[in-house]
N, C-alpha and C. Protein backbone atom coordinates (compact mmCIF):
# COMPACT_ATOMS: atom_id res chain seq x y z
N MET A 1 -9.60 -42.19 28.86
CA MET A 1 -8.44 -43.19 28.89
C MET A 1 -7.58 -43.02 27.52
N LYS A 2 -6.44 -42.13 27.61
CA LYS A 2 -5.74 -41.81 26.45
C LYS A 2 -5.14 -42.97 25.69
N GLU A 3 -4.95 -44.10 26.51
CA GLU A 3 -4.49 -45.41 25.56
C GLU A 3 -5.61 -45.85 24.80
N LEU A 4 -6.73 -45.87 25.23
CA LEU A 4 -7.75 -46.39 24.47
C LEU A 4 -7.88 -45.60 23.19
N LEU A 5 -7.96 -44.16 23.35
CA LEU A 5 -8.11 -43.38 22.22
C LEU A 5 -6.94 -43.48 21.28
N GLU A 6 -5.58 -43.68 21.75
CA GLU A 6 -4.52 -43.92 20.87
C GLU A 6 -4.66 -45.23 20.24
N CYS A 7 -5.23 -46.37 20.65
CA CYS A 7 -5.38 -47.50 19.96
C CYS A 7 -6.41 -47.26 18.92
N LEU A 8 -7.36 -46.62 18.90
CA LEU A 8 -8.45 -46.44 18.20
C LEU A 8 -8.16 -45.66 16.98
N GLU A 9 -7.34 -44.79 17.37
CA GLU A 9 -6.63 -43.93 16.24
C GLU A 9 -5.72 -44.61 15.43
N ARG A 10 -5.11 -45.62 15.84
CA ARG A 10 -4.08 -46.26 15.08
C ARG A 10 -5.07 -47.33 14.15
N ASP A 11 -6.05 -47.81 14.97
CA ASP A 11 -6.69 -48.97 13.96
C ASP A 11 -8.23 -48.93 14.73
N HIS A 12 -9.07 -48.24 13.96
CA HIS A 12 -10.49 -48.29 14.55
C HIS A 12 -11.25 -49.72 14.37
N THR A 13 -10.56 -50.62 13.59
CA THR A 13 -11.24 -51.79 13.52
C THR A 13 -11.16 -52.96 14.50
N GLN A 14 -10.27 -52.57 15.61
CA GLN A 14 -10.32 -53.44 16.48
C GLN A 14 -11.53 -53.75 17.45
N THR A 15 -11.86 -54.80 18.09
CA THR A 15 -13.15 -54.95 18.66
C THR A 15 -12.73 -54.70 20.15
N PRO A 16 -13.93 -54.27 20.92
CA PRO A 16 -13.91 -54.05 22.34
C PRO A 16 -13.15 -55.22 23.07
N GLU A 17 -13.25 -56.38 22.47
CA GLU A 17 -12.53 -57.52 23.20
C GLU A 17 -11.06 -57.51 22.97
N GLN A 18 -10.79 -57.10 21.59
CA GLN A 18 -9.21 -56.84 21.65
C GLN A 18 -8.60 -55.94 22.42
N LEU A 19 -9.29 -54.74 22.36
CA LEU A 19 -8.66 -53.74 23.09
C LEU A 19 -8.71 -53.91 24.61
N ALA A 20 -9.61 -54.83 25.08
CA ALA A 20 -9.70 -55.08 26.42
C ALA A 20 -8.37 -55.90 26.84
N ILE A 21 -8.17 -56.63 26.01
CA ILE A 21 -6.87 -57.58 26.14
C ILE A 21 -5.61 -56.77 26.16
N MET A 22 -5.51 -55.81 24.99
CA MET A 22 -4.41 -54.98 25.07
C MET A 22 -4.25 -54.19 26.11
N LEU A 23 -5.35 -53.61 26.67
CA LEU A 23 -5.33 -52.64 27.71
C LEU A 23 -5.52 -53.18 29.21
N ASN A 24 -5.59 -54.50 29.09
CA ASN A 24 -5.81 -55.03 30.41
C ASN A 24 -6.96 -54.67 31.38
N LYS A 25 -8.11 -54.33 30.70
CA LYS A 25 -9.23 -53.74 31.22
C LYS A 25 -10.47 -54.83 30.94
N PRO A 26 -11.65 -54.71 31.70
CA PRO A 26 -12.74 -55.49 31.34
C PRO A 26 -13.24 -55.06 29.94
N VAL A 27 -13.92 -56.12 29.22
CA VAL A 27 -14.68 -55.60 28.02
C VAL A 27 -15.72 -54.80 28.27
N GLU A 28 -16.38 -54.80 29.32
CA GLU A 28 -17.64 -53.78 29.60
C GLU A 28 -17.15 -52.46 29.74
N GLU A 29 -15.86 -52.24 30.38
CA GLU A 29 -15.56 -50.93 30.60
C GLU A 29 -15.04 -50.23 29.24
N ILE A 30 -14.30 -51.09 28.60
CA ILE A 30 -13.86 -50.47 27.24
C ILE A 30 -15.02 -50.18 26.36
N ALA A 31 -16.22 -51.06 26.42
CA ALA A 31 -17.33 -50.89 25.25
C ALA A 31 -17.95 -49.34 25.83
N ALA A 32 -18.08 -49.33 27.25
CA ALA A 32 -18.70 -48.22 27.82
C ALA A 32 -18.05 -47.00 27.37
N LEU A 33 -16.62 -46.94 27.58
CA LEU A 33 -15.94 -45.65 27.22
C LEU A 33 -15.99 -45.42 25.83
N ILE A 34 -15.98 -46.40 24.87
CA ILE A 34 -16.13 -46.19 23.57
C ILE A 34 -17.60 -45.51 23.26
N LYS A 35 -18.42 -46.03 23.93
CA LYS A 35 -20.02 -45.43 23.65
C LYS A 35 -19.86 -43.82 24.52
N LYS A 36 -19.37 -43.75 25.37
CA LYS A 36 -19.22 -42.37 26.02
C LYS A 36 -18.50 -41.34 25.16
N TYR A 37 -17.33 -42.03 24.51
CA TYR A 37 -16.58 -40.89 23.68
C TYR A 37 -17.26 -40.79 22.33
N GLN A 38 -18.01 -41.50 21.89
CA GLN A 38 -18.85 -41.49 20.75
C GLN A 38 -19.88 -40.31 21.00
N ASP A 39 -20.83 -40.55 22.29
CA ASP A 39 -21.59 -39.70 22.40
C ASP A 39 -21.37 -38.32 22.80
N GLU A 40 -19.98 -38.19 23.28
CA GLU A 40 -19.49 -37.01 23.77
C GLU A 40 -18.65 -36.06 22.59
N LYS A 41 -18.70 -37.03 21.53
CA LYS A 41 -18.01 -36.49 20.37
C LYS A 41 -16.62 -36.30 20.34
N VAL A 42 -15.87 -37.19 21.33
CA VAL A 42 -14.46 -37.10 21.36
C VAL A 42 -14.28 -37.78 20.32
N ILE A 43 -14.73 -39.03 20.07
CA ILE A 43 -14.57 -39.70 18.81
C ILE A 43 -15.36 -39.02 17.66
N VAL A 44 -14.90 -38.40 16.76
CA VAL A 44 -15.66 -37.51 15.91
C VAL A 44 -16.18 -38.40 14.53
N LYS A 45 -15.36 -39.24 14.22
CA LYS A 45 -15.47 -40.03 13.12
C LYS A 45 -14.70 -41.17 13.09
N TYR A 46 -14.77 -42.44 12.63
CA TYR A 46 -13.87 -43.38 12.28
C TYR A 46 -13.69 -43.20 10.38
N GLN A 47 -12.35 -43.53 10.16
CA GLN A 47 -11.94 -43.34 8.66
C GLN A 47 -11.20 -44.27 8.21
N THR A 48 -11.11 -44.46 7.09
CA THR A 48 -10.30 -45.64 6.61
C THR A 48 -9.48 -44.90 5.62
N ILE A 49 -8.01 -45.23 5.39
CA ILE A 49 -7.04 -44.48 4.68
C ILE A 49 -6.92 -45.42 3.52
N ILE A 50 -7.03 -44.77 2.36
CA ILE A 50 -7.10 -45.45 1.06
C ILE A 50 -5.85 -44.69 0.11
N ASP A 51 -5.04 -45.61 -0.42
CA ASP A 51 -4.06 -45.33 -1.34
C ASP A 51 -4.72 -45.15 -2.61
N TRP A 52 -5.34 -44.10 -3.16
CA TRP A 52 -6.18 -43.80 -4.22
C TRP A 52 -5.28 -44.04 -5.51
N GLU A 53 -4.13 -43.93 -5.67
CA GLU A 53 -3.34 -44.07 -6.73
C GLU A 53 -3.25 -45.41 -6.98
N LYS A 54 -3.04 -46.39 -6.08
CA LYS A 54 -2.98 -47.76 -6.14
C LYS A 54 -4.31 -48.39 -6.71
N ALA A 55 -5.51 -47.80 -6.24
CA ALA A 55 -6.88 -47.94 -6.66
C ALA A 55 -7.05 -47.58 -8.19
N GLY A 56 -6.25 -46.98 -8.76
CA GLY A 56 -6.27 -46.53 -9.95
C GLY A 56 -7.22 -45.08 -10.41
N ILE A 57 -7.40 -44.51 -9.10
CA ILE A 57 -8.10 -43.24 -9.45
C ILE A 57 -7.11 -42.11 -8.90
N ASP A 58 -7.27 -41.15 -9.99
CA ASP A 58 -6.46 -39.94 -9.99
C ASP A 58 -7.07 -38.87 -9.57
N ASN A 59 -6.75 -38.40 -8.34
CA ASN A 59 -7.30 -37.04 -7.86
C ASN A 59 -6.17 -35.99 -7.80
N VAL A 60 -6.54 -35.06 -7.84
CA VAL A 60 -5.42 -33.64 -7.68
C VAL A 60 -5.75 -33.27 -6.21
N THR A 61 -4.64 -32.98 -5.41
CA THR A 61 -4.77 -32.39 -4.20
C THR A 61 -4.01 -31.08 -4.15
N ALA A 62 -4.45 -30.22 -3.64
CA ALA A 62 -3.83 -28.80 -3.31
C ALA A 62 -4.06 -28.37 -2.03
N VAL A 63 -2.90 -27.77 -1.46
CA VAL A 63 -2.97 -26.86 -0.24
C VAL A 63 -2.84 -25.49 -0.62
N ILE A 64 -3.89 -24.83 0.00
CA ILE A 64 -3.94 -23.43 -0.42
C ILE A 64 -3.68 -22.42 0.79
N GLU A 65 -2.87 -21.75 0.56
CA GLU A 65 -2.69 -20.58 1.68
C GLU A 65 -3.47 -19.48 1.34
N VAL A 66 -4.10 -19.18 2.42
CA VAL A 66 -5.34 -18.04 2.25
C VAL A 66 -5.06 -16.95 3.40
N ARG A 67 -5.10 -15.60 2.90
CA ARG A 67 -4.75 -14.36 3.65
C ARG A 67 -6.08 -13.87 3.71
N ILE A 68 -6.81 -13.75 5.03
CA ILE A 68 -8.19 -12.90 5.07
C ILE A 68 -8.01 -11.71 5.89
N THR A 69 -9.12 -11.08 5.81
CA THR A 69 -9.19 -10.01 6.68
C THR A 69 -10.33 -10.23 7.78
N PRO A 70 -10.06 -10.38 9.04
CA PRO A 70 -11.06 -10.88 9.98
C PRO A 70 -12.00 -10.04 10.17
N GLN A 71 -13.44 -10.65 10.37
CA GLN A 71 -14.59 -9.76 10.43
C GLN A 71 -14.60 -9.42 11.85
N ARG A 72 -15.49 -8.37 12.07
CA ARG A 72 -15.64 -7.53 13.43
C ARG A 72 -16.45 -8.61 14.24
N GLU A 73 -15.96 -9.06 15.36
CA GLU A 73 -16.84 -9.67 16.42
C GLU A 73 -16.76 -11.27 16.19
N VAL A 74 -16.52 -11.54 14.71
CA VAL A 74 -16.47 -13.07 14.71
C VAL A 74 -15.15 -13.63 14.14
N GLY A 75 -14.22 -12.73 14.06
CA GLY A 75 -12.81 -12.96 13.70
C GLY A 75 -12.85 -13.67 12.51
N PHE A 76 -11.94 -14.97 12.62
CA PHE A 76 -11.74 -15.58 11.43
C PHE A 76 -12.96 -16.62 10.96
N ASP A 77 -13.80 -17.07 12.20
CA ASP A 77 -14.54 -18.12 11.94
C ASP A 77 -15.51 -18.00 10.98
N ALA A 78 -16.22 -16.92 10.92
CA ALA A 78 -17.30 -16.69 9.79
C ALA A 78 -16.70 -17.09 8.37
N ILE A 79 -15.65 -16.38 8.09
CA ILE A 79 -15.25 -17.08 6.81
C ILE A 79 -14.61 -18.27 6.46
N ALA A 80 -13.98 -18.85 7.62
CA ALA A 80 -13.61 -20.26 7.87
C ALA A 80 -14.87 -21.16 7.74
N GLU A 81 -15.97 -20.87 8.00
CA GLU A 81 -17.15 -21.70 8.09
C GLU A 81 -17.69 -21.64 6.80
N ARG A 82 -17.34 -20.42 6.13
CA ARG A 82 -17.94 -20.60 4.51
C ARG A 82 -17.21 -21.33 3.76
N ILE A 83 -15.92 -21.21 3.96
CA ILE A 83 -14.90 -22.09 3.08
C ILE A 83 -15.11 -23.60 3.51
N TYR A 84 -15.28 -24.17 4.68
CA TYR A 84 -15.14 -25.47 4.93
C TYR A 84 -16.65 -26.16 4.58
N ARG A 85 -17.49 -25.28 4.32
CA ARG A 85 -18.76 -25.85 3.75
C ARG A 85 -18.79 -26.47 2.30
N TYR A 86 -17.80 -25.93 1.43
CA TYR A 86 -17.77 -26.58 0.11
C TYR A 86 -17.33 -27.73 0.13
N SER A 87 -17.86 -28.64 -0.83
CA SER A 87 -17.59 -30.35 -0.60
C SER A 87 -15.99 -30.37 -1.18
N GLU A 88 -15.65 -29.55 -1.95
CA GLU A 88 -14.23 -29.75 -2.41
C GLU A 88 -13.15 -29.69 -1.33
N VAL A 89 -13.52 -29.08 -0.15
CA VAL A 89 -12.49 -28.83 1.03
C VAL A 89 -12.35 -30.06 1.87
N ARG A 90 -11.16 -30.49 2.03
CA ARG A 90 -10.87 -31.79 2.80
C ARG A 90 -10.52 -31.43 4.04
N SER A 91 -9.87 -30.20 4.45
CA SER A 91 -9.27 -29.81 5.73
C SER A 91 -9.08 -28.38 5.65
N LEU A 92 -9.27 -27.76 6.86
CA LEU A 92 -8.94 -26.47 6.86
C LEU A 92 -8.58 -26.01 8.43
N TYR A 93 -7.46 -25.23 8.34
CA TYR A 93 -6.77 -24.88 9.74
C TYR A 93 -6.61 -23.57 9.85
N LEU A 94 -6.74 -22.81 10.90
CA LEU A 94 -6.28 -21.57 11.24
C LEU A 94 -4.68 -21.54 11.50
N MET A 95 -4.02 -20.72 10.94
CA MET A 95 -2.63 -20.97 10.93
C MET A 95 -1.92 -19.71 11.52
N SER A 96 -0.84 -19.64 12.28
CA SER A 96 0.04 -18.42 12.61
C SER A 96 0.97 -18.42 11.54
N GLY A 97 1.68 -17.27 11.40
CA GLY A 97 2.83 -17.09 10.36
C GLY A 97 2.32 -16.25 9.33
N GLY A 98 2.75 -16.55 7.98
CA GLY A 98 2.51 -15.72 6.79
C GLY A 98 1.25 -15.71 6.19
N TYR A 99 0.30 -16.74 6.39
CA TYR A 99 -1.09 -16.60 6.06
C TYR A 99 -1.86 -17.14 7.09
N ASP A 100 -3.30 -17.06 6.97
CA ASP A 100 -4.21 -17.22 8.09
C ASP A 100 -4.87 -18.59 7.94
N LEU A 101 -5.39 -19.05 6.87
CA LEU A 101 -5.74 -20.38 6.76
C LEU A 101 -5.37 -21.27 5.74
N SER A 102 -5.12 -22.51 6.05
CA SER A 102 -4.52 -23.63 5.51
C SER A 102 -5.83 -24.27 4.85
N VAL A 103 -5.86 -24.31 3.59
CA VAL A 103 -7.17 -25.14 2.99
C VAL A 103 -6.61 -26.40 2.13
N THR A 104 -7.00 -27.49 2.41
CA THR A 104 -6.75 -28.57 1.47
C THR A 104 -7.90 -28.91 0.63
N VAL A 105 -7.78 -28.92 -0.77
CA VAL A 105 -8.81 -29.30 -1.63
C VAL A 105 -8.46 -30.31 -2.54
N GLU A 106 -9.58 -31.12 -2.89
CA GLU A 106 -9.40 -32.25 -3.86
C GLU A 106 -9.94 -32.09 -5.04
N GLY A 107 -9.78 -32.37 -6.13
CA GLY A 107 -10.44 -32.44 -7.27
C GLY A 107 -10.12 -33.59 -8.38
N ALA A 108 -10.82 -33.63 -9.50
CA ALA A 108 -10.53 -34.76 -10.49
C ALA A 108 -9.31 -34.04 -11.35
N SER A 109 -9.15 -32.70 -11.32
CA SER A 109 -8.06 -32.41 -12.31
C SER A 109 -7.54 -30.93 -11.78
N LEU A 110 -6.44 -30.68 -12.52
CA LEU A 110 -5.75 -29.38 -12.04
C LEU A 110 -6.91 -28.29 -12.38
N LYS A 111 -7.57 -28.40 -13.36
CA LYS A 111 -8.41 -27.33 -13.90
C LYS A 111 -9.44 -27.15 -12.97
N GLU A 112 -10.11 -28.48 -12.28
CA GLU A 112 -11.19 -28.31 -11.36
C GLU A 112 -10.78 -27.56 -10.10
N VAL A 113 -9.41 -27.90 -9.58
CA VAL A 113 -9.07 -27.07 -8.59
C VAL A 113 -8.84 -25.78 -8.86
N ALA A 114 -8.38 -25.46 -9.80
CA ALA A 114 -8.11 -24.14 -10.14
C ALA A 114 -9.24 -23.33 -10.20
N ASP A 115 -10.47 -23.90 -10.88
CA ASP A 115 -11.75 -23.35 -10.84
C ASP A 115 -12.47 -23.01 -9.63
N PHE A 116 -12.14 -23.87 -8.94
CA PHE A 116 -12.65 -23.80 -7.36
C PHE A 116 -11.96 -22.37 -6.69
N VAL A 117 -10.64 -22.34 -6.86
CA VAL A 117 -9.99 -21.24 -6.10
C VAL A 117 -10.48 -19.96 -6.88
N SER A 118 -10.64 -20.23 -8.18
CA SER A 118 -10.79 -18.80 -8.72
C SER A 118 -12.40 -18.42 -8.66
N THR A 119 -13.23 -19.32 -8.90
CA THR A 119 -14.48 -18.78 -8.57
C THR A 119 -15.45 -18.93 -7.44
N LYS A 120 -14.76 -19.94 -6.57
CA LYS A 120 -15.59 -19.79 -5.19
C LYS A 120 -14.66 -19.19 -4.03
N LEU A 121 -13.16 -19.67 -3.87
CA LEU A 121 -12.51 -19.59 -2.85
C LEU A 121 -12.13 -17.92 -2.88
N SER A 122 -11.41 -17.45 -4.08
CA SER A 122 -10.96 -15.97 -3.91
C SER A 122 -11.98 -14.87 -3.81
N THR A 123 -13.21 -15.33 -4.42
CA THR A 123 -14.44 -14.26 -4.59
C THR A 123 -15.06 -14.13 -3.32
N ILE A 124 -15.01 -14.84 -2.16
CA ILE A 124 -15.32 -14.51 -0.67
C ILE A 124 -14.82 -13.31 -0.23
N ASP A 125 -15.82 -12.46 0.28
CA ASP A 125 -15.60 -11.28 0.85
C ASP A 125 -14.66 -11.42 1.87
N GLY A 126 -13.80 -10.81 2.17
CA GLY A 126 -12.60 -11.02 3.13
C GLY A 126 -11.31 -11.69 2.84
N VAL A 127 -11.39 -12.33 1.78
CA VAL A 127 -10.36 -13.15 1.21
C VAL A 127 -9.25 -12.06 0.55
N VAL A 128 -8.11 -11.99 0.90
CA VAL A 128 -7.35 -10.92 0.54
C VAL A 128 -6.46 -11.70 -0.54
N SER A 129 -5.84 -12.90 -0.35
CA SER A 129 -5.02 -13.39 -1.37
C SER A 129 -5.08 -15.10 -1.14
N THR A 130 -4.46 -15.67 -2.38
CA THR A 130 -4.43 -17.05 -2.04
C THR A 130 -3.19 -17.44 -2.83
N THR A 131 -2.58 -18.53 -2.45
CA THR A 131 -1.33 -19.12 -2.95
C THR A 131 -1.65 -20.74 -3.12
N THR A 132 -1.64 -21.32 -4.25
CA THR A 132 -1.84 -22.68 -4.41
C THR A 132 -0.73 -23.34 -4.59
N HIS A 133 -0.77 -24.55 -3.84
CA HIS A 133 0.31 -25.64 -3.87
C HIS A 133 -0.17 -27.08 -4.16
N PHE A 134 0.25 -27.49 -5.50
CA PHE A 134 -0.36 -28.84 -5.75
C PHE A 134 0.74 -29.89 -5.24
N MET A 135 0.07 -30.97 -4.51
CA MET A 135 0.56 -31.93 -4.02
C MET A 135 1.26 -32.89 -5.28
N LEU A 136 2.57 -33.32 -5.01
CA LEU A 136 2.90 -34.16 -6.17
C LEU A 136 2.92 -35.57 -5.79
N LYS A 137 3.25 -36.03 -4.78
CA LYS A 137 3.29 -37.20 -4.22
C LYS A 137 2.87 -37.45 -2.70
N LYS A 138 2.35 -38.28 -2.20
CA LYS A 138 1.90 -38.41 -0.82
C LYS A 138 2.76 -39.56 -0.43
N TYR A 139 3.37 -39.35 0.85
CA TYR A 139 4.39 -40.23 1.46
C TYR A 139 3.70 -40.84 2.81
N LYS A 140 3.29 -39.90 3.68
CA LYS A 140 2.58 -40.15 4.60
C LYS A 140 1.31 -39.51 4.98
N PHE A 141 0.16 -39.96 5.39
CA PHE A 141 -1.02 -39.38 5.80
C PHE A 141 -1.63 -39.85 7.16
N ALA A 142 -2.01 -38.85 7.95
CA ALA A 142 -2.57 -39.21 9.10
C ALA A 142 -1.87 -40.30 9.97
N GLY A 143 -0.32 -40.17 9.92
CA GLY A 143 0.53 -41.14 10.61
C GLY A 143 0.77 -42.27 10.11
N VAL A 144 0.36 -42.53 8.88
CA VAL A 144 0.40 -43.79 8.00
C VAL A 144 1.25 -43.57 6.92
N ILE A 145 2.40 -44.37 6.91
CA ILE A 145 3.01 -44.28 5.75
C ILE A 145 2.48 -44.85 4.61
N ILE A 146 2.56 -44.31 3.47
CA ILE A 146 1.49 -44.82 2.22
C ILE A 146 2.22 -45.96 1.59
N LYS A 147 3.45 -45.61 1.29
CA LYS A 147 4.03 -46.70 0.56
C LYS A 147 5.40 -47.16 1.35
N ASP A 148 5.26 -48.12 2.13
CA ASP A 148 6.39 -48.68 2.89
C ASP A 148 6.90 -49.78 2.20
N GLU A 149 7.95 -49.39 1.14
CA GLU A 149 8.55 -50.52 0.50
C GLU A 149 10.00 -50.19 0.91
N GLU A 150 10.33 -50.85 1.95
CA GLU A 150 11.81 -50.89 2.32
C GLU A 150 12.67 -51.54 1.28
N GLU A 151 13.71 -50.53 0.83
CA GLU A 151 14.61 -50.97 -0.20
C GLU A 151 15.91 -51.22 0.48
N GLU A 152 16.57 -52.11 -0.23
CA GLU A 152 17.83 -52.53 0.20
C GLU A 152 18.80 -51.17 -0.45
N HIS A 153 19.46 -50.62 0.63
CA HIS A 153 20.26 -49.43 0.33
C HIS A 153 21.76 -49.95 0.29
N ARG A 154 22.11 -51.12 0.62
CA ARG A 154 23.48 -51.57 0.74
C ARG A 154 24.16 -51.91 -0.68
N LEU A 155 25.22 -51.74 -1.03
CA LEU A 155 25.75 -52.34 -2.37
C LEU A 155 26.12 -53.72 -2.26
N VAL A 156 25.75 -54.44 -3.16
CA VAL A 156 26.05 -55.88 -3.38
C VAL A 156 27.44 -56.24 -3.19
N VAL A 157 27.98 -56.92 -2.52
CA VAL A 157 29.36 -57.15 -2.62
C VAL A 157 29.56 -58.45 -3.03
N SER A 158 30.45 -58.58 -4.12
CA SER A 158 30.60 -59.87 -4.82
C SER A 158 32.19 -60.35 -4.61
N PRO A 159 32.53 -61.51 -4.67
CA PRO A 159 33.76 -61.92 -4.48
C PRO A 159 34.64 -61.75 -5.81
């Protein structure tokens, strides 16, 4: 049921009772569907989104474009698997266009991320080149606006 999955994706803290009311379905049906989706790995993980900057924790995030030479019989998958096993890697996508893989990496400093790229990522057999882009500010993540501070954009009119 797509509606249930969309509700859980927006807010995984909702109880089966709350979801049943929202979707006008019996609680037992909702609970059974959630269990089924968890068992079948349709629901992969529940995740909390944290504004680390507001929490006073400074991390550095970089998006790295990686060009690779696909390996015979396994294509991009073997190199991708080797990359996503590193703890620094937060996400990894196979892309179309000017590069092959998009790798999102987090570290405590610019130097830590740079060291990861130079000593671990770029040394993998099959990696042809990397281009690193450091994130300067996060506005929206996983469909959630991080800093939703609506400012008044109209000029004050005085008599």
